[in-house]
C-alpha atoms as a PDB file:
ATOM      1  CA  MET A   1     189.794  94.664 344.874  1.00  0.00           C
ATOM      2  CA  ALA A   2     191.828  97.784 345.596  1.00  0.00           C
ATOM      3  CA  ASP A   3     195.537  97.701 344.763  1.00  0.00           C
ATOM      4  CA  ALA A   4     196.543  98.311 348.395  1.00  0.00           C
ATOM      5  CA  THR A   5     194.530  97.285 351.443  1.00  0.00           C
ATOM      6  CA  ILE A   6     194.966  96.391 355.092  1.00  0.00           C
ATOM      7  CA  ARG A   7     192.616  93.897 356.712  1.00  0.00           C
ATOM      8  CA  PHE A   8     192.063  93.389 360.444  1.00  0.00           C
ATOM      9  CA  PHE A   9     190.443  90.061 361.268  1.00  0.00           C
ATOM     10  CA  PRO A  10     188.017  89.737 364.207  1.00  0.00           C
ATOM     11  CA  VAL A  11     189.996  87.458 366.524  1.00  0.00           C
ATOM     12  CA  GLY A  12     188.868  88.657 369.951  1.00  0.00           C
ATOM     13  CA  ASN A  13     191.694  89.848 372.174  1.00  0.00           C
ATOM     14  CA  GLY A  14     194.343  88.922 369.634  1.00  0.00           C
ATOM     15  CA  ASP A  15     195.944  90.244 366.456  1.00  0.00           C
ATOM     16  CA  CYS A  16     195.797  89.017 362.878  1.00  0.00           C
ATOM     17  CA  THR A  17     196.437  91.613 360.173  1.00  0.00           C
ATOM     18  CA  LEU A  18     197.017  91.247 356.430  1.00  0.00           C
ATOM     19  CA  LEU A  19     198.672  94.070 354.502  1.00  0.00           C
ATOM     20  CA  TRP A  20     198.355  93.765 350.726  1.00  0.00           C
ATOM     21  CA  VAL A  21     200.222  96.065 348.326  1.00  0.00           C
ATOM     22  CA  GLY A  22     200.194  95.063 344.657  1.00  0.00           C
ATOM     23  CA  GLU A  23     201.401  91.466 344.659  1.00  0.00           C
ATOM     24  CA  THR A  24     203.064  91.710 348.073  1.00  0.00           C
ATOM     25  CA  ARG A  25     201.294  90.339 351.111  1.00  0.00           C
ATOM     26  CA  ILE A  26     202.490  90.669 354.695  1.00  0.00           C
ATOM     27  CA  LEU A  27     200.789  88.819 357.530  1.00  0.00           C
ATOM     28  CA  VAL A  28     201.351  90.449 360.912  1.00  0.00           C
ATOM     29  CA  ASP A  29     200.663  88.011 363.762  1.00  0.00           C
ATOM     30  CA  LEU A  30     198.335  85.033 363.534  1.00  0.00           C
ATOM     31  CA  SER A  31     195.395  84.263 365.756  1.00  0.00           C
ATOM     32  CA  PRO A  32     192.367  82.200 364.730  1.00  0.00           C
ATOM     33  CA  ARG A  33     189.372  84.101 363.478  1.00  0.00           C
ATOM     34  CA  ILE A  34     186.354  84.121 365.747  1.00  0.00           C
ATOM     35  CA  LEU A  35     183.213  82.655 364.224  1.00  0.00           C
ATOM     36  CA  LYS A  36     180.521  85.277 363.734  1.00  0.00           C
ATOM     37  CA  GLY A  37     179.156  86.179 367.140  1.00  0.00           C
ATOM     38  CA  ASP A  38     180.940  83.247 368.814  1.00  0.00           C
ATOM     39  CA  PRO A  39     183.715  83.902 371.381  1.00  0.00           C
ATOM     40  CA  ASN A  40     185.430  80.584 370.557  1.00  0.00           C
ATOM     41  CA  TYR A  41     188.343  80.231 368.156  1.00  0.00           C
ATOM     42  CA  ASP A  42     187.595  78.720 364.767  1.00  0.00           C
ATOM     43  CA  VAL A  43     190.624  77.537 362.812  1.00  0.00           C
ATOM     44  CA  ASP A  44     188.616  76.452 359.768  1.00  0.00           C
ATOM     45  CA  GLU A  45     187.036  79.892 359.499  1.00  0.00           C
ATOM     46  CA  THR A  46     190.488  81.451 359.719  1.00  0.00           C
ATOM     47  CA  ARG A  47     191.707  79.214 356.923  1.00  0.00           C
ATOM     48  CA  GLU A  48     188.668  80.031 354.783  1.00  0.00           C
ATOM     49  CA  ALA A  49     189.177  83.763 355.389  1.00  0.00           C
ATOM     50  CA  LEU A  50     192.927  83.838 354.684  1.00  0.00           C
ATOM     51  CA  LEU A  51     193.569  81.369 351.885  1.00  0.00           C
ATOM     52  CA  PRO A  52     191.664  83.127 349.071  1.00  0.00           C
ATOM     53  CA  LEU A  53     193.589  86.317 349.861  1.00  0.00           C
ATOM     54  CA  VAL A  54     197.039  84.731 349.530  1.00  0.00           C
ATOM     55  CA  LYS A  55     196.452  82.233 346.702  1.00  0.00           C
ATOM     56  CA  ARG A  56     198.790  82.608 343.728  1.00  0.00           C
ATOM     57  CA  ASP A  57     198.291  81.716 340.088  1.00  0.00           C
ATOM     58  CA  ASP A  58     200.202  78.455 340.495  1.00  0.00           C
ATOM     59  CA  GLY A  59     197.830  77.286 343.252  1.00  0.00           C
ATOM     60  CA  ARG A  60     200.187  77.935 346.151  1.00  0.00           C
ATOM     61  CA  TYR A  61     199.206  79.981 349.194  1.00  0.00           C
ATOM     62  CA  VAL A  62     202.029  82.428 349.859  1.00  0.00           C
ATOM     63  CA  VAL A  63     202.831  85.511 351.926  1.00  0.00           C
ATOM     64  CA  GLU A  64     206.066  87.375 351.271  1.00  0.00           C
ATOM     65  CA  ALA A  65     206.543  87.928 354.992  1.00  0.00           C
ATOM     66  CA  PHE A  66     205.139  86.865 358.339  1.00  0.00           C
ATOM     67  CA  SER A  67     205.995  89.584 360.854  1.00  0.00           C
ATOM     68  CA  LEU A  68     205.593  88.271 364.405  1.00  0.00           C
ATOM     69  CA  THR A  69     205.461  90.996 367.029  1.00  0.00           C
ATOM     70  CA  HIS A  70     206.064  88.482 369.851  1.00  0.00           C
ATOM     71  CA  PRO A  71     205.219  84.809 370.467  1.00  0.00           C
ATOM     72  CA  ASP A  72     202.416  85.058 373.037  1.00  0.00           C
ATOM     73  CA  LYS A  73     199.290  83.032 372.278  1.00  0.00           C
ATOM     74  CA  ASP A  74     197.184  86.055 371.386  1.00  0.00           C
ATOM     75  CA  HIS A  75     199.612  86.753 368.524  1.00  0.00           C
ATOM     76  CA  LEU A  76     200.693  83.243 367.568  1.00  0.00           C
ATOM     77  CA  LEU A  77     198.175  80.419 367.782  1.00  0.00           C
ATOM     78  CA  TYR A  78     197.550  77.329 365.631  1.00  0.00           C
ATOM     79  CA  ALA A  79     200.628  78.192 363.587  1.00  0.00           C
ATOM     80  CA  GLU A  80     201.291  74.569 362.671  1.00  0.00           C
ATOM     81  CA  GLU A  81     197.743  74.183 361.371  1.00  0.00           C
ATOM     82  CA  LEU A  82     197.821  77.361 359.261  1.00  0.00           C
ATOM     83  CA  LEU A  83     201.449  77.896 358.218  1.00  0.00           C
ATOM     84  CA  HIS A  84     203.843  75.547 356.436  1.00  0.00           C
ATOM     85  CA  LEU A  85     206.681  75.038 358.894  1.00  0.00           C
ATOM     86  CA  GLY A  86     209.468  73.136 357.204  1.00  0.00           C
ATOM     87  CA  ALA A  87     211.589  73.024 354.076  1.00  0.00           C
ATOM     88  CA  PRO A  88     209.937  74.832 351.152  1.00  0.00           C
ATOM     89  CA  ASP A  89     210.650  71.824 348.909  1.00  0.00           C
ATOM     90  CA  ASP A  90     208.223  69.867 351.099  1.00  0.00           C
ATOM     91  CA  TYR A  91     205.401  72.362 350.653  1.00  0.00           C
ATOM     92  CA  ASP A  92     202.155  70.927 349.285  1.00  0.00           C
ATOM     93  CA  PRO A  93     199.369  73.431 348.497  1.00  0.00           C
ATOM     94  CA  THR A  94     196.737  70.722 349.006  1.00  0.00           C
ATOM     95  CA  SER A  95     197.624  70.937 352.705  1.00  0.00           C
ATOM     96  CA  GLU A  96     195.892  74.333 352.640  1.00  0.00           C
ATOM     97  CA  LYS A  97     198.722  75.871 354.609  1.00  0.00           C
ATOM     98  CA  ILE A  98     200.472  79.151 353.867  1.00  0.00           C
ATOM     99  CA  LEU A  99     204.059  79.192 352.671  1.00  0.00           C
ATOM    100  CA  VAL A 100     205.975  82.053 354.315  1.00  0.00           C
ATOM    101  CA  GLU A 101     208.868  83.407 352.251  1.00  0.00           C
ATOM    102  CA  GLU A 102     210.323  85.432 355.132  1.00  0.00           C
ATOM    103  CA  ILE A 103     209.851  85.395 358.901  1.00  0.00           C
ATOM    104  CA  ILE A 104     210.510  88.687 360.700  1.00  0.00           C
ATOM    105  CA  TYR A 105     210.882  88.241 364.455  1.00  0.00           C
ATOM    106  CA  VAL A 106     212.356  89.588 367.685  1.00  0.00           C
ATOM    107  CA  PRO A 107     214.923  87.085 369.024  1.00  0.00           C
ATOM    108  CA  ALA A 108     214.797  88.547 372.538  1.00  0.00           C
ATOM    109  CA  SER A 109     211.069  87.841 372.770  1.00  0.00           C
ATOM    110  CA  PHE A 110     211.864  84.138 372.425  1.00  0.00           C
ATOM    111  CA  ASP A 111     215.117  83.905 374.359  1.00  0.00           C
ATOM    112  CA  GLU A 112     215.550  86.497 377.058  1.00  0.00           C
ATOM    113  CA  LEU A 113     212.723  85.866 379.508  1.00  0.00           C
ATOM    114  CA  ASP A 114     212.505  82.974 381.924  1.00  0.00           C
ATOM    115  CA  GLN A 115     209.074  82.025 380.620  1.00  0.00           C
ATOM    116  CA  GLU A 116     208.018  78.890 378.822  1.00  0.00           C
ATOM    117  CA  LEU A 117     207.042  79.236 375.206  1.00  0.00           C
ATOM    118  CA  SER A 118     203.667  77.937 374.112  1.00  0.00           C
ATOM    119  CA  ALA A 119     203.546  74.937 371.788  1.00  0.00           C
ATOM    120  CA  ASP A 120     203.137  77.351 368.876  1.00  0.00           C
ATOM    121  CA  GLY A 121     206.059  79.437 370.106  1.00  0.00           C
ATOM    122  CA  GLU A 122     208.225  76.329 370.261  1.00  0.00           C
ATOM    123  CA  ALA A 123     207.138  75.314 366.754  1.00  0.00           C
ATOM    124  CA  MET A 124     208.007  78.778 365.442  1.00  0.00           C
ATOM    125  CA  GLN A 125     211.358  78.683 367.241  1.00  0.00           C
ATOM    126  CA  ARG A 126     212.174  75.354 365.567  1.00  0.00           C
ATOM    127  CA  GLU A 127     211.270  76.819 362.172  1.00  0.00           C
ATOM    128  CA  ILE A 128     213.415  79.891 362.799  1.00  0.00           C
ATOM    129  CA  ASP A 129     216.331  77.683 363.882  1.00  0.00           C
ATOM    130  CA  ARG A 130     215.935  75.619 360.713  1.00  0.00           C
ATOM    131  CA  ARG A 131     216.006  78.737 358.567  1.00  0.00           C
ATOM    132  CA  LEU A 132     219.068  80.140 360.317  1.00  0.00           C
ATOM    133  CA  GLY A 133     221.100  77.368 358.774  1.00  0.00           C
ATOM    134  CA  CYS A 134     219.694  77.718 355.274  1.00  0.00           C
ATOM    135  CA  ASP A 135     220.387  79.790 352.182  1.00  0.00           C
ATOM    136  CA  GLY A 136     217.976  82.736 352.460  1.00  0.00           C
ATOM    137  CA  THR A 137     215.794  81.662 349.556  1.00  0.00           C
ATOM    138  CA  ALA A 138     211.992  81.809 349.564  1.00  0.00           C
ATOM    139  CA  GLY A 139     210.711  79.745 352.483  1.00  0.00           C
ATOM    140  CA  ASN A 140     214.137  79.803 354.142  1.00  0.00           C
ATOM    141  CA  LEU A 141     214.557  83.547 354.737  1.00  0.00           C
ATOM    142  CA  VAL A 142     214.580  84.959 358.278  1.00  0.00           C
ATOM    143  CA  SER A 143     215.118  88.523 359.521  1.00  0.00           C
ATOM    144  CA  ALA A 144     215.752  89.622 363.103  1.00  0.00           C
ATOM    145  CA  LEU A 145     214.746  92.842 364.860  1.00  0.00           C
ATOM    146  CA  LEU A 146     217.411  93.657 367.420  1.00  0.00           C
ATOM    147  CA  ARG A 147     218.085  95.991 370.302  1.00  0.00           C
ATOM    148  CA  ALA A 148     221.526  97.602 370.500  1.00  0.00           C
ATOM    149  CA  LYS A 149     222.761  95.062 373.071  1.00  0.00           C
ATOM    150  CA  ASP A 150     221.503  91.973 371.228  1.00  0.00           C
ATOM    151  CA  VAL A 151     223.871  89.498 369.656  1.00  0.00           C
ATOM    152  CA  THR A 152     223.190  88.831 365.981  1.00  0.00           C
ATOM    153  CA  PRO A 153     221.578  85.381 365.777  1.00  0.00           C
ATOM    154  CA  GLY A 154     222.896  84.611 362.297  1.00  0.00           C
ATOM    155  CA  ALA A 155     219.758  85.741 360.509  1.00  0.00           C
ATOM    156  CA  ASP A 156     219.843  86.575 356.813  1.00  0.00           C
ATOM    157  CA  ARG A 157     219.024  90.200 357.634  1.00  0.00           C
ATOM    158  CA  THR A 158     219.075  92.199 360.859  1.00  0.00           C
ATOM    159  CA  PHE A 159     217.404  95.498 361.643  1.00  0.00           C
ATOM    160  CA  SER A 160     217.445  97.823 364.650  1.00  0.00           C
ATOM    161  CA  VAL A 161     215.441 100.853 365.737  1.00  0.00           C
ATOM    162  CA  GLY A 162     215.675 103.530 363.070  1.00  0.00           C
ATOM    163  CA  ASP A 163     216.389 101.119 360.226  1.00  0.00           C
ATOM    164  CA  PHE A 164     214.194 100.851 357.145  1.00  0.00           C
ATOM    165  CA  ILE A 165     213.069  97.586 355.600  1.00  0.00           C
ATOM    166  CA  ASP A 166     212.608  98.252 351.894  1.00  0.00           C
ATOM    167  CA  SER A 167     211.931  94.741 350.646  1.00  0.00           C
ATOM    168  CA  PHE A 168     209.980  91.743 351.898  1.00  0.00           C
ATOM    169  CA  GLY A 169     210.365  88.115 350.976  1.00  0.00           C
ATOM    170  CA  ALA A 170     212.898  86.479 348.715  1.00  0.00           C
ATOM    171  CA  SER A 171     211.328  87.629 345.469  1.00  0.00           C
ATOM    172  CA  THR A 172     210.887  91.215 344.277  1.00  0.00           C
ATOM    173  CA  SER A 173     208.392  92.970 346.552  1.00  0.00           C
ATOM    174  CA  ASP A 174     206.348  96.027 345.668  1.00  0.00           C
ATOM    175  CA  PRO A 175     208.644  99.098 345.771  1.00  0.00           C
ATOM    176  CA  ARG A 176     205.824 101.234 347.178  1.00  0.00           C
ATOM    177  CA  LEU A 177     205.989  99.301 350.455  1.00  0.00           C
ATOM    178  CA  SER A 178     208.570  99.761 353.191  1.00  0.00           C
ATOM    179  CA  ALA A 179     208.732  99.797 356.987  1.00  0.00           C
ATOM    180  CA  ARG A 180     210.574 101.752 359.631  1.00  0.00           C
ATOM    181  CA  VAL A 181     211.550  99.862 362.776  1.00  0.00           C
ATOM    182  CA  TYR A 182     210.569 101.501 366.087  1.00  0.00           C
ATOM    183  CA  GLY A 183     210.864  98.494 368.350  1.00  0.00           C
ATOM    184  CA  PRO A 184     211.734  96.415 370.243  1.00  0.00           C
ATOM    185  CA  ARG A 185     212.714  99.255 372.542  1.00  0.00           C
ATOM    186  CA  ALA A 186     215.636  99.021 374.951  1.00  0.00           C
ATOM    187  CA  THR A 187     213.523  98.259 378.028  1.00  0.00           C
ATOM    188  CA  PRO A 188     215.965  98.084 380.984  1.00  0.00           C
ATOM    189  CA  ASP A 189     214.296  95.155 382.742  1.00  0.00           C
ATOM    190  CA  PRO A 190     211.681  93.442 380.555  1.00  0.00           C
ATOM    191  CA  GLN A 191     209.167  91.510 382.627  1.00  0.00           C
ATOM    192  CA  CYS A 192     207.167  89.841 379.877  1.00  0.00           C
ATOM    193  CA  ARG A 193     207.160  89.345 376.110  1.00  0.00           C
ATOM    194  CA  ASN A 194     204.939  92.387 375.652  1.00  0.00           C
ATOM    195  CA  ASP A 195     207.907  94.512 376.734  1.00  0.00           C
ATOM    196  CA  LEU A 196     209.876  93.138 373.778  1.00  0.00           C
ATOM    197  CA  SER A 197     207.184  93.533 371.164  1.00  0.00           C
ATOM    198  CA  SER A 198     208.182  94.780 367.743  1.00  0.00           C
ATOM    199  CA  ILE A 199     206.886  98.187 366.671  1.00  0.00           C
ATOM    200  CA  MET A 200     206.746  98.744 362.929  1.00  0.00           C
ATOM    201  CA  GLN A 201     205.620 101.745 360.929  1.00  0.00           C
ATOM    202  CA  PHE A 202     204.658 100.346 357.548  1.00  0.00           C
ATOM    203  CA  ARG A 203     204.733 102.897 354.746  1.00  0.00           C
ATOM    204  CA  VAL A 204     202.770 102.613 351.520  1.00  0.00           C
ATOM    205  CA  THR A 205     203.270 105.240 348.828  1.00  0.00           C
ATOM    206  CA  PRO A 206     200.265 104.952 346.492  1.00  0.00           C
ATOM    207  CA  ALA A 207     200.544 105.723 342.790  1.00  0.00           C
ATOM    208  CA  GLY A 208     200.305 109.460 342.196  1.00  0.00           C
ATOM    209  CA  SER A 209     201.287 110.309 345.780  1.00  0.00           C
ATOM    210  CA  VAL A 210     204.489 111.805 347.140  1.00  0.00           C
ATOM    211  CA  SER A 211     203.890 111.227 350.852  1.00  0.00           C
ATOM    212  CA  PRO A 212     203.515 107.684 352.160  1.00  0.00           C
ATOM    213  CA  VAL A 213     200.523 106.417 354.077  1.00  0.00           C
ATOM    214  CA  ARG A 214     201.864 105.350 357.477  1.00  0.00           C
ATOM    215  CA  ILE A 215     200.475 102.388 359.412  1.00  0.00           C
ATOM    216  CA  MET A 216     201.632 101.810 362.991  1.00  0.00           C
ATOM    217  CA  LEU A 217     201.533  98.218 364.263  1.00  0.00           C
ATOM    218  CA  GLY A 218     203.001  97.907 367.738  1.00  0.00           C
ATOM    219  CA  GLY A 219     201.766  94.564 369.016  1.00  0.00           C
ATOM    220  CA  ASP A 220     201.467  94.666 372.799  1.00  0.00           C
ATOM    221  CA  ALA A 221     204.146  97.301 373.424  1.00  0.00           C
ATOM    222  CA  PRO A 222     203.558  98.882 376.874  1.00  0.00           C
ATOM    223  CA  TRP A 223     203.545 102.499 377.996  1.00  0.00           C
ATOM    224  CA  GLU A 224     207.310 102.512 378.679  1.00  0.00           C
ATOM    225  CA  ALA A 225     207.998 101.803 375.005  1.00  0.00           C
ATOM    226  CA  TRP A 226     205.787 104.665 373.838  1.00  0.00           C
ATOM    227  CA  GLU A 227     207.326 107.039 376.392  1.00  0.00           C
ATOM    228  CA  ASP A 228     210.753 106.036 375.095  1.00  0.00           C
ATOM    229  CA  ILE A 229     209.596 106.891 371.575  1.00  0.00           C
ATOM    230  CA  HIS A 230     208.406 110.270 372.874  1.00  0.00           C
ATOM    231  CA  ASP A 231     211.795 110.989 374.447  1.00  0.00           C
ATOM    232  CA  ASN A 232     214.074 109.674 371.715  1.00  0.00           C
ATOM    233  CA  GLU A 233     212.354 109.779 368.320  1.00  0.00           C
ATOM    234  CA  ASP A 234     211.381 112.479 365.851  1.00  0.00           C
ATOM    235  CA  LEU A 235     207.598 112.606 366.144  1.00  0.00           C
ATOM    236  CA  GLU A 236     207.329 114.235 362.727  1.00  0.00           C
ATOM    237  CA  GLU A 237     208.468 110.886 361.349  1.00  0.00           C
ATOM    238  CA  PHE A 238     206.378 108.865 363.790  1.00  0.00           C
ATOM    239  CA  THR A 239     203.053 110.317 362.624  1.00  0.00           C
ATOM    240  CA  TYR A 240     200.430 107.808 361.456  1.00  0.00           C
ATOM    241  CA  ASP A 241     197.370 107.530 359.232  1.00  0.00           C
ATOM    242  CA  LEU A 242     196.254 104.259 360.822  1.00  0.00           C
ATOM    243  CA  MET A 243     197.262 102.742 364.139  1.00  0.00           C
ATOM    244  CA  LEU A 244     196.440  99.440 365.747  1.00  0.00           C
ATOM    245  CA  ALA A 245     195.715 100.224 369.403  1.00  0.00           C
ATOM    246  CA  PRO A 246     198.479  98.487 371.399  1.00  0.00           C
ATOM    247  CA  HIS A 247     197.625  95.405 373.444  1.00  0.00           C
ATOM    248  CA  HIS A 248     194.038  95.142 372.221  1.00  0.00           C
ATOM    249  CA  CYS A 249     193.122  98.606 373.481  1.00  0.00           C
ATOM    250  CA  SER A 250     194.488  97.857 376.932  1.00  0.00           C
ATOM    251  CA  TRP A 251     195.243 100.529 379.539  1.00  0.00           C
ATOM    252  CA  SER A 252     198.805  99.108 379.681  1.00  0.00           C
ATOM    253  CA  ALA A 253     199.665 101.286 376.675  1.00  0.00           C
ATOM    254  CA  PHE A 254     199.070 104.352 378.854  1.00  0.00           C
ATOM    255  CA  ALA A 255     200.096 103.439 382.406  1.00  0.00           C
ATOM    256  CA  GLU A 256     201.520 100.792 384.729  1.00  0.00           C
ATOM    257  CA  SER A 257     198.140 100.024 386.328  1.00  0.00           C
ATOM    258  CA  SER A 258     194.480 100.864 385.861  1.00  0.00           C
ATOM    259  CA  GLU A 259     194.641 103.062 388.968  1.00  0.00           C
ATOM    260  CA  GLU A 260     197.212 105.384 387.403  1.00  0.00           C
ATOM    261  CA  GLU A 261     196.472 108.288 385.098  1.00  0.00           C
ATOM    262  CA  ALA A 262     197.400 108.059 381.445  1.00  0.00           C
ATOM    263  CA  SER A 263     200.973 109.089 380.689  1.00  0.00           C
ATOM    264  CA  LYS A 264     200.983 112.562 379.138  1.00  0.00           C
ATOM    265  CA  LYS A 265     203.938 111.537 377.004  1.00  0.00           C
ATOM    266  CA  VAL A 266     202.080 108.556 375.550  1.00  0.00           C
ATOM    267  CA  VAL A 267     198.998 110.627 374.818  1.00  0.00           C
ATOM    268  CA  GLU A 268     201.177 113.193 373.077  1.00  0.00           C
ATOM    269  CA  VAL A 269     202.813 110.489 370.957  1.00  0.00           C
ATOM    270  CA  PHE A 270     199.439 109.119 369.870  1.00  0.00           C
ATOM    271  CA  LYS A 271     198.164 112.619 369.140  1.00  0.00           C
ATOM    272  CA  HIS A 272     200.876 113.056 366.558  1.00  0.00           C
ATOM    273  CA  LYS A 273     198.794 111.840 363.655  1.00  0.00           C
ATOM    274  CA  GLN A 274     197.674 112.727 360.166  1.00  0.00           C
ATOM    275  CA  ASP A 275     194.335 114.385 359.454  1.00  0.00           C
ATOM    276  CA  GLN A 276     191.516 111.838 359.453  1.00  0.00           C
ATOM    277  CA  ALA A 277     193.779 109.252 361.080  1.00  0.00           C
ATOM    278  CA  LYS A 278     192.114 106.067 362.258  1.00  0.00           C
ATOM    279  CA  VAL A 279     192.621 103.727 365.209  1.00  0.00           C
ATOM    280  CA  VAL A 280     191.607 100.064 365.256  1.00  0.00           C
ATOM    281  CA  ALA A 281     191.188  98.028 368.447  1.00  0.00           C
ATOM    282  CA  SER A 282     191.724  94.343 367.715  1.00  0.00           C
ATOM    283  CA  SER A 283     189.730  93.146 370.670  1.00  0.00           C
ATOM    284  CA  LEU A 284     186.471  91.874 372.016  1.00  0.00           C
ATOM    285  CA  ALA A 285     183.604  94.362 372.192  1.00  0.00           C
ATOM    286  CA  ILE A 286     184.395  97.248 374.516  1.00  0.00           C
ATOM    287  CA  ASN A 287     182.492  97.423 377.798  1.00  0.00           C
ATOM    288  CA  ILE A 288     183.194  98.369 381.384  1.00  0.00           C
ATOM    289  CA  ASP A 289     182.997  94.796 382.727  1.00  0.00           C
ATOM    290  CA  ARG A 290     186.019  93.365 380.889  1.00  0.00           C
ATOM    291  CA  THR A 291     189.578  94.463 380.227  1.00  0.00           C
ATOM    292  CA  PRO A 292     191.220  94.335 377.823  1.00  0.00           C
ATOM    293  CA  PRO A 293     189.808  96.146 376.033  1.00  0.00           C
ATOM    294  CA  SER A 294     189.763  99.187 378.277  1.00  0.00           C
ATOM    295  CA  GLU A 295     186.906 101.611 377.908  1.00  0.00           C
ATOM    296  CA  LYS A 296     189.144 104.359 379.313  1.00  0.00           C
ATOM    297  CA  ALA A 297     191.761 103.669 376.641  1.00  0.00           C
ATOM    298  CA  ALA A 298     189.107 103.615 373.912  1.00  0.00           C
ATOM    299  CA  ASP A 299     187.870 107.009 375.088  1.00  0.00           C
ATOM    300  CA  ILE A 300     191.366 108.469 374.694  1.00  0.00           C
ATOM    301  CA  TYR A 301     191.701 107.113 371.159  1.00  0.00           C
ATOM    302  CA  LYS A 302     188.244 108.443 370.283  1.00  0.00           C
ATOM    303  CA  ASP A 303     189.190 111.835 371.677  1.00  0.00           C
ATOM    304  CA  ILE A 304     192.336 111.835 369.516  1.00  0.00           C
ATOM    305  CA  VAL A 305     190.919 110.638 366.180  1.00  0.00           C
ATOM    306  CA  GLY A 306     187.174 111.187 366.648  1.00  0.00           C
ATOM    307  CA  GLN A 307     184.376 108.726 367.321  1.00  0.00           C
ATOM    308  CA  SER A 308     183.810 107.947 363.630  1.00  0.00           C
ATOM    309  CA  ASN A 309     187.498 107.113 363.075  1.00  0.00           C
ATOM    310  CA  PHE A 310     187.718 104.548 365.876  1.00  0.00           C
ATOM    311  CA  TYR A 311     186.974 100.924 365.026  1.00  0.00           C
ATOM    312  CA  CYS A 312     186.788  97.740 367.101  1.00  0.00           C
ATOM    313  CA  THR A 313     187.060  94.319 365.455  1.00  0.00           C
ATOM    314  CA  GLY A 314     184.744  92.873 368.124  1.00  0.00           C
ATOM    315  CA  GLU A 315     181.966  95.275 367.150  1.00  0.00           C
ATOM    316  CA  TYR A 316     182.319  95.551 363.378  1.00  0.00           C
ATOM    317  CA  PRO A 317     179.948  95.948 361.658  1.00  0.00           C
ATOM    318  CA  THR A 318     177.881  94.607 364.582  1.00  0.00           C
ATOM    319  CA  GLU A 319     178.833  92.459 367.563  1.00  0.00           C
ATOM    320  CA  GLY A 320     176.528  89.701 366.353  1.00  0.00           C
ATOM    321  CA  ASP A 321     177.838  89.619 362.770  1.00  0.00           C
ATOM    322  CA  LEU A 322     181.585  90.152 362.827  1.00  0.00           C
ATOM    323  CA  GLN A 323     183.458  90.796 359.592  1.00  0.00           C
ATOM    324  CA  PRO A 324     187.066  91.835 358.876  1.00  0.00           C
ATOM    325  CA  ILE A 325     187.684  95.583 358.822  1.00  0.00           C
ATOM    326  CA  VAL A 326     189.204  96.387 355.431  1.00  0.00           C
ATOM    327  CA  PHE A 327     190.746  99.776 354.651  1.00  0.00           C
ATOM    328  CA  GLU A 328     191.759 100.821 351.167  1.00  0.00           C
ATOM    329  CA  ILE A 329     195.083 102.670 350.964  1.00  0.00           C
ATOM    330  CA  SER A 330     195.075 105.353 348.302  1.00  0.00           C
ATOM    331  CA  SER A 331     196.574 108.740 347.452  1.00  0.00           C
ATOM    332  CA  ASP A 332     193.799 110.170 349.643  1.00  0.00           C
ATOM    333  CA  GLY A 333     195.090 108.255 352.657  1.00  0.00           C
ATOM    334  CA  VAL A 334     193.328 105.413 354.465  1.00  0.00           C
ATOM    335  CA  LEU A 335     189.751 105.259 353.233  1.00  0.00           C
ATOM    336  CA  PRO A 336     186.972 104.150 355.607  1.00  0.00           C
ATOM    337  CA  PRO A 337     185.680 100.621 355.014  1.00  0.00           C
ATOM    338  CA  GLU A 338     182.684 100.472 352.715  1.00  0.00           C
ATOM    339  CA  THR A 339     179.733  98.954 354.558  1.00  0.00           C
ATOM    340  CA  LYS A 340     176.061  99.660 354.283  1.00  0.00           C
ATOM    341  CA  ASP A 341     176.154 101.587 357.543  1.00  0.00           C
ATOM    342  CA  ARG A 342     179.095 103.779 356.454  1.00  0.00           C
ATOM    343  CA  GLU A 343     178.545 104.057 352.713  1.00  0.00           C
ATOM    344  CA  ILE A 344     177.341 107.655 352.718  1.00  0.00           C
ATOM    345  CA  GLU A 345     179.741 108.693 355.473  1.00  0.00           C
ATOM    346  CA  SER A 346     182.695 107.126 353.640  1.00  0.00           C
ATOM    347  CA  ALA A 347     182.007 108.947 350.402  1.00  0.00           C
ATOM    348  CA  ALA A 348     181.906 112.265 352.236  1.00  0.00           C
ATOM    349  CA  ALA A 349     184.926 111.561 354.426  1.00  0.00           C
ATOM    350  CA  ALA A 350     187.103 110.471 351.496  1.00  0.00           C
ATOM    351  CA  THR A 351     186.925 113.965 350.034  1.00  0.00           C
ATOM    352  CA  LEU A 352     188.180 115.492 353.270  1.00  0.00           C
ATOM    353  CA  ILE A 353     191.278 113.388 353.916  1.00  0.00           C
ATOM    354  CA  ARG A 354     194.543 115.324 353.747  1.00  0.00           C
ATOM    355  CA  ARG A 355     198.162 114.332 354.088  1.00  0.00           C
ATOM    356  CA  THR A 356     199.375 117.153 356.388  1.00  0.00           C
ATOM    357  CA  PRO A 357     200.519 116.138 359.895  1.00  0.00           C
ATOM    358  CA  GLN A 358     199.045 117.958 362.877  1.00  0.00           C
ATOM    359  CA  LYS A 359     201.323 119.822 365.291  1.00  0.00           C
ATOM    360  CA  TYR A 360     201.353 119.381 369.036  1.00  0.00           C
ATOM    361  CA  GLY A 361     203.366 121.055 371.756  1.00  0.00           C
ATOM    362  CA  SER A 362     205.015 119.237 374.630  1.00  0.00           C
ATOM    363  CA  SER A 363     202.730 118.145 377.431  1.00  0.00           C
ATOM    364  CA  ARG A 364     205.483 118.176 380.019  1.00  0.00           C
END
């Protein structure tokens, strides 16, 4: 297996992503994997897919960090069945649950809105509350992503927009891995948890490379968040090699409603990419009869990165035989996944990948 990979699991209109750099593993969101060709959730298949990837030499199943963009069901489901929630001293690997060294979360996405949490959200809130009173060791560590107006919840670590996270978990994490925080954004009047979604630009600097590979994971952040990034951030720093299409390739990343045109500011932000950048839609198969995913949104992403650099978890490699999409991260950038259908294309494309960001003028 490659030394650095990112894996997008086929979970329908949900997110479940595993970033692996050296011995450091970060799970971003958790939704059960869909059985091949079956639209129903399958917890056992999720367990079978995840556990071999996070098993350690001592038999434990461990991720250095679980980064939760927000606690809606499409990003947090069956947490109690798949994660060990409780004191690390009580962890038993025969339970086939994953021990999380560090939870990274957005307090406002749990607390601010007058909306009931799901059972999984409540379970995660209890686990966070337990950790807030602990000692910050492995299995007790919790970090909070805050807006400027937020009160510090007593987490072991706090980060705001513009901050860098340069370590993950309680043990020593791979120094090639870091993350820049881009959200939650300071939405004036958040209406739902999507508005408070975390936005993280993970950076992996492969051996022999000077420039990092940049991976943008923005959960369900809506168009207002991306416009705010356009207006207030340095887009030279924002640039990406791989982006997860927000909100399962929904039109909400581009506009308030499906009747409105795409925001020029959002399109400009997403155009600010590296050569041979790739976009992944973690969604059901894309068609005109169902949204999300939005066919209009998919067309914009394809126009930005090219048809061959757009991937959908609900169609990969075929809609009837779904498999995780796995990208290798190397000094050449993000390499296309190696499948029978793309084997020749991948070999050719890998020689063309460059690390120079493209330039775009203002669309206003």
